[in-house]
Protein backbone atom coordinates (compact mmCIF):
# COMPACT_ATOMS: atom_id res chain seq x y z
CA MET A 1 74.31 65.73 101.40
CA THR A 2 74.16 68.80 103.62
CA GLY A 3 77.94 68.87 103.93
CA THR A 4 78.29 68.70 100.14
CA LEU A 5 75.90 71.62 99.70
CA LEU A 6 77.81 73.64 102.29
CA LEU A 7 81.11 72.97 100.55
CA ALA A 8 79.60 73.90 97.18
CA PHE A 9 78.17 77.10 98.65
CA ALA A 10 81.53 77.95 100.22
CA ALA A 11 83.32 77.35 96.91
CA VAL A 12 80.86 79.59 95.02
CA ALA A 13 81.18 82.30 97.67
CA ALA A 14 84.98 82.07 97.54
CA ALA A 15 84.96 82.31 93.75
CA GLY A 16 82.69 85.37 93.89
CA ALA A 17 84.86 87.02 96.52
CA ALA A 18 87.99 86.27 94.50
CA SER A 19 86.48 87.79 91.35
CA LEU A 20 85.43 90.94 93.21
CA ALA A 21 88.83 91.19 94.84
CA ALA A 22 90.65 90.73 91.53
CA THR A 23 88.50 93.48 90.01
CA ALA A 24 89.34 95.73 92.94
CA VAL A 25 93.06 95.11 92.63
CA ALA A 26 93.00 95.64 88.87
CA MET A 27 91.31 99.03 89.22
CA PRO A 28 93.64 101.63 87.70
CA PRO A 29 94.75 104.51 89.91
CA THR A 30 92.83 107.74 89.70
CA THR A 31 94.26 110.91 88.15
CA ARG A 32 94.84 112.39 91.60
CA GLU A 33 96.74 109.31 92.76
CA ARG A 34 98.95 109.37 89.66
CA MET A 35 99.76 113.04 90.20
CA MET A 36 100.48 112.47 93.90
CA ARG A 37 102.78 109.59 93.00
CA ILE A 38 104.69 111.73 90.48
CA LEU A 39 105.08 114.49 93.05
CA ALA A 40 106.21 111.97 95.66
CA ASP A 41 108.87 110.61 93.28
CA PHE A 42 110.45 114.04 92.97
CA SER A 43 110.09 115.12 96.59
CA THR A 44 113.08 115.72 98.82
CA SER A 45 112.60 112.39 100.57
CA ARG A 46 113.86 109.60 98.32
CA PHE A 47 111.48 106.92 99.48
CA ARG A 48 108.59 109.04 100.70
CA VAL A 49 105.22 107.40 100.26
CA ILE A 50 101.80 108.87 100.81
CA ARG A 51 100.40 107.97 104.18
CA PRO A 52 96.95 106.43 104.33
CA ALA A 53 95.61 109.57 106.04
CA GLU A 54 96.90 111.73 103.17
CA VAL A 55 95.01 109.79 100.51
CA VAL A 56 91.55 111.18 99.91
CA HIS A 57 89.44 108.55 98.20
CA THR A 58 87.10 110.23 95.80
CA GLY A 59 83.68 108.99 94.82
CA VAL A 60 85.00 107.65 91.53
CA ARG A 61 86.04 104.41 93.19
CA PRO A 62 83.47 101.71 93.81
CA PRO A 63 82.62 100.97 97.46
CA VAL A 64 84.33 97.56 97.25
CA VAL A 65 87.60 99.16 96.18
CA ARG A 66 87.36 101.78 98.92
CA PHE A 67 86.72 99.09 101.51
CA ILE A 68 89.63 96.94 100.31
CA GLN A 69 91.90 100.00 100.25
CA THR A 70 90.90 100.93 103.81
CA VAL A 71 91.53 97.43 105.15
CA GLY A 72 94.78 97.24 103.20
CA ASP A 73 95.93 100.52 104.78
CA VAL A 74 95.16 99.09 108.22
CA ILE A 75 97.22 95.91 107.68
CA SER A 76 100.04 97.88 105.98
CA PRO A 77 101.55 100.32 108.50
CA GLU A 78 103.89 103.08 107.46
CA PHE A 79 107.12 101.09 107.78
CA THR A 80 105.62 98.36 105.58
CA ARG A 81 104.66 100.93 102.95
CA GLN A 82 108.15 102.40 103.13
CA ARG A 83 109.69 98.97 102.56
CA LEU A 84 107.33 98.25 99.66
CA ALA A 85 108.05 101.67 98.13
CA LYS A 86 111.79 100.97 98.36
CA GLN A 87 111.39 97.61 96.62
CA LEU A 88 109.22 99.27 93.96
CA ASN A 89 112.01 101.78 93.40
CA TYR A 90 114.46 98.90 92.95
CA ALA A 91 111.98 97.30 90.53
CA GLY A 92 111.81 100.48 88.45
CA ASN A 93 108.42 101.67 89.72
CA PRO A 94 106.16 99.64 87.38
CA PRO A 95 103.47 102.06 86.17
CA LEU A 96 100.70 99.50 86.53
CA TRP A 97 101.59 98.72 90.16
CA PRO A 98 101.63 101.81 92.37
CA ILE A 99 101.89 101.45 96.12
CA ASP A 100 98.12 101.61 96.67
CA ARG A 101 97.50 98.70 94.32
CA VAL A 102 100.16 96.66 96.11
CA VAL A 103 98.44 97.42 99.43
CA ARG A 104 95.13 96.25 98.00
CA ALA A 105 96.83 93.11 96.65
CA ARG A 106 98.10 92.30 100.15
CA MET A 107 94.58 92.37 101.55
CA VAL A 108 93.10 90.41 98.63
CA SER A 109 95.76 87.70 98.70
CA LEU A 110 95.35 87.39 102.47
CA VAL A 111 91.61 86.71 102.15
CA VAL A 112 91.83 84.50 99.07
CA LEU A 113 94.64 82.26 100.34
CA ALA A 114 93.00 82.02 103.76
CA VAL A 115 89.79 80.76 102.10
CA VAL A 116 91.78 78.39 99.87
CA GLY A 117 93.61 77.01 102.90
CA PHE A 118 90.31 76.50 104.70
CA LEU A 119 88.86 74.60 101.73
CA ILE A 120 91.98 72.45 101.28
CA LEU A 121 92.43 71.62 104.97
CA PRO A 122 88.97 71.72 106.60
CA ILE A 123 90.08 69.38 109.40
CA ARG A 124 92.10 72.13 111.08
CA PRO A 125 90.37 75.33 109.97
CA ILE A 126 92.16 77.72 112.35
CA LEU A 127 95.60 76.51 111.29
CA ALA A 128 94.58 76.63 107.61
CA LEU A 129 93.22 80.18 107.92
CA VAL A 130 96.31 81.45 109.74
CA ALA A 131 98.77 79.75 107.37
CA GLY A 132 96.91 80.88 104.25
CA GLY A 133 96.56 84.44 105.56
CA ALA A 134 100.25 84.65 106.48
CA ILE A 135 101.31 83.40 103.04
CA GLY A 136 98.84 85.73 101.35
CA ILE A 137 99.97 88.87 103.16
CA MET A 138 103.63 88.14 102.33
CA LEU A 139 103.08 87.06 98.71
CA PRO A 140 102.94 90.54 97.04
CA GLY A 141 106.11 91.63 98.84
CA ILE A 142 107.92 88.47 97.75
CA LEU A 143 106.88 88.97 94.13
CA ILE A 144 107.98 92.62 94.17
CA ARG A 145 111.31 91.67 95.76
CA ASN A 146 111.85 89.04 93.07
CA LEU A 147 111.05 91.60 90.36
CA ALA A 148 113.47 94.07 91.97
CA GLN A 149 116.28 91.50 92.06
CA LYS A 150 115.75 90.63 88.39
CA ARG A 151 115.82 94.28 87.37
CA GLN A 152 118.95 95.00 89.37
CA SER A 153 120.63 92.01 87.73
CA GLN A 154 119.65 93.34 84.29
CA LEU A 155 120.92 96.78 85.30
CA GLN A 156 124.30 95.30 86.22
CA LYS A 157 124.50 93.46 82.90
CA SER A 158 123.67 96.56 80.83
CA LEU A 159 126.05 98.87 82.71
CA PRO A 160 129.22 98.12 80.63
CA ASP A 161 127.46 98.92 77.33
CA VAL A 162 126.08 102.16 78.74
CA LEU A 163 129.51 103.18 80.01
CA ASP A 164 131.05 102.47 76.60
CA ALA A 165 128.43 104.66 74.94
CA LEU A 166 129.04 107.44 77.48
CA VAL A 167 132.80 107.26 76.89
CA ILE A 168 132.30 107.51 73.12
CA GLY A 169 129.99 110.49 73.50
CA VAL A 170 132.19 112.38 75.96
CA GLU A 171 135.39 111.77 73.98
CA ALA A 172 133.59 112.91 70.82
CA GLY A 173 133.15 116.35 72.39
CA LEU A 174 129.73 116.10 74.06
CA GLY A 175 129.13 117.19 77.60
CA LEU A 176 128.07 114.69 80.22
CA ASP A 177 124.40 115.72 80.05
CA ALA A 178 124.36 115.53 76.25
CA ALA A 179 126.07 112.12 76.31
CA MET A 180 123.53 110.87 78.83
CA ALA A 181 120.71 112.16 76.62
CA GLN A 182 122.16 110.28 73.64
CA VAL A 183 122.42 107.08 75.67
CA ALA A 184 118.85 107.43 76.95
CA GLU A 185 117.61 107.98 73.39
CA MET A 186 119.62 105.36 71.53
CA LEU A 187 119.71 102.45 74.02
CA ASP A 188 117.02 100.42 75.74
CA GLY A 189 117.11 98.64 79.06
CA PRO A 190 117.11 99.31 82.80
CA MET A 191 120.25 101.49 82.90
CA PRO A 192 119.21 103.79 80.02
CA SER A 193 115.81 104.05 81.69
CA GLU A 194 117.47 105.17 84.93
CA ILE A 195 119.57 107.71 83.02
CA ARG A 196 116.38 108.97 81.38
CA ARG A 197 114.87 109.47 84.82
CA VAL A 198 117.98 111.36 85.97
CA LEU A 199 117.61 113.72 83.01
CA GLN A 200 113.92 114.23 83.75
CA GLU A 201 114.71 115.13 87.34
CA MET A 202 117.31 117.61 86.14
CA GLN A 203 114.75 119.17 83.80
CA LEU A 204 112.45 119.61 86.80
CA GLY A 205 115.12 121.64 88.59
CA VAL A 206 117.02 119.01 90.57
CA SER A 207 120.78 119.42 90.49
CA ARG A 208 122.91 116.79 88.79
CA SER A 209 124.53 115.70 92.04
CA GLU A 210 121.16 115.16 93.73
CA ALA A 211 119.79 113.30 90.71
CA LEU A 212 122.84 111.01 90.65
CA HIS A 213 122.53 110.48 94.40
CA ASP A 214 118.88 109.47 93.88
CA LEU A 215 120.03 107.01 91.18
CA SER A 216 122.49 105.55 93.66
CA GLU A 217 119.69 105.14 96.21
CA ARG A 218 117.46 103.40 93.66
CA SER A 219 120.04 100.71 92.94
CA THR A 220 121.58 97.88 94.91
CA VAL A 221 124.40 97.37 92.38
CA LEU A 222 127.70 98.40 93.93
CA GLU A 223 129.18 99.44 90.57
CA VAL A 224 126.33 101.91 89.95
CA LYS A 225 126.80 103.42 93.41
CA ARG A 226 130.54 103.85 92.80
CA LEU A 227 129.92 105.42 89.40
CA CYS A 228 127.40 107.91 90.80
CA THR A 229 129.76 108.83 93.65
CA ALA A 230 132.65 109.34 91.22
CA LEU A 231 130.56 111.55 88.91
CA VAL A 232 129.32 113.63 91.82
CA GLN A 233 132.85 114.13 93.12
CA ALA A 234 134.08 114.97 89.62
CA GLY A 235 131.43 117.65 89.28
CA GLU A 236 132.22 119.13 92.68
CA LEU A 237 136.03 119.07 92.29
CA GLY A 238 136.19 119.94 88.58
CA ILE A 239 137.83 116.67 87.53
CA SER A 240 137.64 115.52 83.92
CA VAL A 241 134.67 113.21 83.44
CA SER A 242 136.09 111.38 80.42
CA GLY A 243 138.92 109.80 82.39
CA ILE A 244 136.54 108.60 85.11
CA LEU A 245 134.15 107.11 82.58
CA ARG A 246 136.99 105.43 80.68
CA GLU A 247 138.35 103.89 83.87
CA HIS A 248 134.95 102.62 84.99
CA SER A 249 134.21 101.29 81.50
CA ALA A 250 137.43 99.25 81.42
CA GLU A 251 136.77 97.97 84.93
CA GLN A 252 133.23 96.90 84.03
CA ARG A 253 134.41 95.01 80.95
CA VAL A 254 136.88 93.08 83.10
CA LYS A 255 134.21 92.34 85.72
CA ARG A 256 131.75 91.21 83.07
CA ARG A 257 134.32 88.76 81.72
CA GLN A 258 135.05 87.53 85.22
CA ARG A 259 131.34 86.99 85.90
CA ALA A 260 131.04 85.03 82.66
CA GLU A 261 134.03 82.85 83.61
CA GLU A 262 132.54 82.29 87.06
CA GLN A 263 129.24 81.16 85.57
CA ALA A 264 131.09 78.86 83.17
CA GLN A 265 132.96 77.23 86.05
CA LYS A 266 129.68 76.54 87.84
CA VAL A 267 128.35 74.50 84.92
CA ALA A 268 130.29 71.37 85.90
CA VAL A 269 128.88 71.44 89.43
CA LYS A 270 125.35 72.08 88.18
CA LEU A 271 125.58 69.15 85.76
CA LEU A 272 126.75 66.73 88.47
CA PHE A 273 123.34 65.83 89.89
CA PRO A 274 121.50 65.47 86.53
CA VAL A 275 124.31 63.19 85.33
CA LEU A 276 124.25 61.09 88.51
CA PHE A 277 120.49 60.64 88.70
CA CYS A 278 119.51 60.67 85.01
CA LEU A 279 122.41 59.57 82.83
CA PHE A 280 124.26 57.00 84.94
CA PRO A 281 121.19 54.77 85.61
CA VAL A 282 120.56 54.52 81.86
CA ILE A 283 124.20 53.65 81.22
CA PHE A 284 124.10 50.96 83.91
CA VAL A 285 120.96 49.46 82.40
CA VAL A 286 122.48 49.37 78.91
CA VAL A 287 125.88 48.00 80.02
CA ILE A 288 124.94 45.65 82.85
CA GLY A 289 121.44 44.70 81.69
CA PRO A 290 122.46 42.02 79.15
CA ALA A 291 124.92 40.45 81.62
CA VAL A 292 122.21 40.27 84.29
CA LEU A 293 119.81 38.64 81.80
CA ASN A 294 122.46 36.04 80.83
CA LEU A 295 123.13 35.22 84.48
CA LEU A 296 119.43 34.81 85.16
CA THR A 297 119.13 32.51 82.14
CA ASN A 298 122.10 30.32 83.15
CA PHE A 299 121.23 30.00 86.83
């Protein structure tokens, strides 16, 4: 009876801690943090993040949030924050998930999964706490990396359409900046969003070459890096931009068709195991089943 009461008390305490932690993670960033993040995005360092010592926590935050943020800063050293900031850049910098909220999520998931592991495996509590804590501290980074990979894949898929629109705009007589503005206004998706950010950086005083270099650093897609390098070199050497865009557009259409053909060729291999384990047993039952029943009846 005492053991049951202790387990019930532990479950209630874990649920209360999880609710407080979820509230702390869901706390929106303050106005100062949003401004500091905007300034950090347009600083000279591409992946600069605010160090824990630079963040001044105002009294607006509840004490629980300040405590979770402090512990999260301790378990997230500078190189970890740099890596998370880089993955957030690849993921498009989701506005609801700044770096500080990700740091708080690391601490919260560590505690919650450690408690869950202890409740699931009470026979070996030390092993359960360590395993749950290790999974919890890595979970936010894994989710952000997955989000970054999905966005980069969408960026690669939308690149041919964006290049076609740029070619049409430039050949119609628009300059490169005006064509990029038309693409950012008329199209939706990851690549138009990145072009919109390039234009915003240029409006803040950043040169086109630096803005395109930042776009190259924010992407893992090789085609985007090559395009940015070609546009930068064209601007520095005075080469016609329309020819470069037309060449890259034709190349991207060919690559998109090749990727589609590659995916189509993989379908037969992917269907092999479902056919072997799901379809063939049913066929064997239907074809051989009556013969087996007749043999059993005769013998």
